[in-house]
């Protein structure tokens, strides 16, 4: 549950954008995502291969509808986040994934902090 693992640690530094979801794919706020050159989101394969953080919960059916209508999903591309609050495909990271996620965050100019 997200109640014991906050995601956003500093609202003032938050940087938002939007991109299209992949059809038939569910997303959870805090998921680590890759962003294609066509501005389409997919789930990161692992903690070291992501670009942005998902900003909202979307079911697979909603994602299909959004993609069909050109409606974009909110994503975070900057800010201060808790590494304990991010996930891959809805599953929170294990502690052994934190270093890879934090290294990629630094390259992405995102702060992933341990709290």
Protein backbone atom coordinates (compact mmCIF):
# COMPACT_ATOMS: atom_id res chain seq x y z
CA UNK A 1 0.00 0.00 0.00
CA UNK A 2 1.14 3.49 -0.77
CA UNK A 3 0.12 4.93 2.65
CA UNK A 4 3.39 3.84 4.27
CA UNK A 5 5.54 4.61 1.23
CA UNK A 6 5.13 8.21 0.08
CA UNK A 7 5.96 8.92 -3.56
CA UNK A 8 6.31 12.69 -3.94
CA UNK A 9 8.60 14.30 -1.37
CA UNK A 10 8.72 17.90 -2.64
CA UNK A 11 5.69 19.23 -4.53
CA UNK A 12 7.42 22.51 -5.39
CA UNK A 13 10.09 20.74 -7.47
CA UNK A 14 7.60 18.50 -9.31
CA UNK A 15 7.83 18.57 -13.12
CA UNK A 16 4.89 17.13 -15.05
CA UNK A 17 4.23 16.25 -18.68
CA UNK A 18 1.87 13.98 -20.60
CA UNK A 19 2.30 11.03 -22.95
CA UNK A 20 0.11 8.38 -24.56
CA UNK A 21 -0.44 5.07 -22.77
CA UNK A 22 0.03 1.72 -24.47
CA UNK A 23 -3.32 0.04 -25.19
CA UNK A 24 -4.49 -2.76 -22.87
CA UNK A 25 -1.87 -1.82 -20.25
CA UNK A 26 -2.66 -0.89 -16.65
CA UNK A 27 -0.59 1.79 -14.92
CA UNK A 28 -0.18 2.70 -11.25
CA UNK A 29 1.00 6.02 -9.85
CA UNK A 30 4.70 5.56 -9.13
CA UNK A 31 5.38 3.03 -11.91
CA UNK A 32 8.72 3.49 -13.66
CA UNK A 33 8.06 3.91 -17.39
CA UNK A 34 9.97 4.22 -20.64
CA UNK A 35 9.01 6.94 -23.09
CA UNK A 36 9.35 6.30 -26.83
CA UNK A 37 10.26 8.88 -29.45
CA UNK A 38 6.57 8.80 -30.44
CA UNK A 39 5.64 9.85 -26.85
CA UNK A 40 4.14 6.46 -25.98
CA UNK A 41 4.65 4.93 -22.53
CA UNK A 42 5.57 1.35 -21.68
CA UNK A 43 6.55 -0.28 -18.40
CA UNK A 44 10.26 -0.34 -17.64
CA UNK A 45 11.88 -3.76 -18.02
CA UNK A 46 13.86 -3.25 -14.81
CA UNK A 47 15.02 -0.61 -12.34
CA UNK A 48 17.79 0.63 -14.64
CA UNK A 49 15.83 1.15 -17.88
CA UNK A 50 13.23 3.83 -17.18
CA UNK A 51 12.70 7.45 -18.23
CA UNK A 52 9.74 8.87 -16.28
CA UNK A 53 7.43 8.12 -13.34
CA UNK A 54 3.71 7.47 -13.81
CA UNK A 55 1.50 10.17 -12.31
CA UNK A 56 -1.88 8.44 -12.16
CA UNK A 57 -3.66 5.10 -11.86
CA UNK A 58 -5.18 3.84 -15.14
CA UNK A 59 -6.81 0.48 -15.83
CA UNK A 60 -6.00 -1.48 -18.99
CA UNK A 61 -9.47 -0.63 -20.38
CA UNK A 62 -8.98 3.07 -19.62
CA UNK A 63 -5.55 3.02 -21.30
CA UNK A 64 -7.06 1.52 -24.45
CA UNK A 65 -9.79 4.19 -24.48
CA UNK A 66 -7.26 6.96 -23.81
CA UNK A 67 -4.95 5.79 -26.62
CA UNK A 68 -7.88 5.53 -29.06
CA UNK A 69 -8.95 9.09 -28.25
CA UNK A 70 -5.47 10.60 -28.05
CA UNK A 71 -5.83 11.33 -24.33
CA UNK A 72 -2.51 11.42 -22.54
CA UNK A 73 -1.41 10.11 -19.15
CA UNK A 74 0.26 12.36 -16.57
CA UNK A 75 3.93 11.60 -16.03
CA UNK A 76 6.66 13.06 -13.84
CA UNK A 77 10.01 13.88 -15.44
CA UNK A 78 11.51 15.84 -12.57
CA UNK A 79 11.20 16.26 -8.85
CA UNK A 80 12.04 14.64 -5.55
CA UNK A 81 10.57 11.18 -4.99
CA UNK A 82 10.94 8.34 -2.51
CA UNK A 83 12.70 5.30 -3.96
CA UNK A 84 10.49 3.26 -1.64
CA UNK A 85 7.38 4.59 -3.44
CA UNK A 86 8.26 3.70 -7.03
CA UNK A 87 7.36 0.45 -8.74
CA UNK A 88 7.76 -1.67 -11.83
CA UNK A 89 4.40 -2.64 -13.29
CA UNK A 90 2.61 -2.03 -9.98
CA UNK A 91 5.13 -3.91 -7.79
CA UNK A 92 7.21 -1.79 -5.41
CA UNK A 93 10.95 -2.13 -5.87
CA UNK A 94 12.92 -4.52 -3.70
CA UNK A 95 15.75 -2.96 -1.72
CA UNK A 96 18.28 -4.66 -4.03
CA UNK A 97 16.81 -2.63 -6.95
CA UNK A 98 17.20 0.77 -5.25
CA UNK A 99 20.77 1.47 -6.41
CA UNK A 100 19.99 0.85 -10.08
CA UNK A 101 16.82 2.95 -9.88
CA UNK A 102 18.63 5.79 -8.12
CA UNK A 103 21.51 5.74 -10.62
CA UNK A 104 19.08 5.97 -13.53
CA UNK A 105 17.18 8.73 -11.69
CA UNK A 106 20.37 10.78 -11.46
CA UNK A 107 20.93 10.37 -15.21
CA UNK A 108 17.28 11.42 -15.76
CA UNK A 109 17.70 14.48 -13.48
CA UNK A 110 15.17 13.08 -11.01
CA UNK A 111 15.89 12.67 -7.31
CA UNK A 112 15.02 9.28 -5.80
CA UNK A 113 15.72 9.47 -2.08
CA UNK A 114 15.68 6.90 0.69
CA UNK A 115 13.49 8.20 3.52
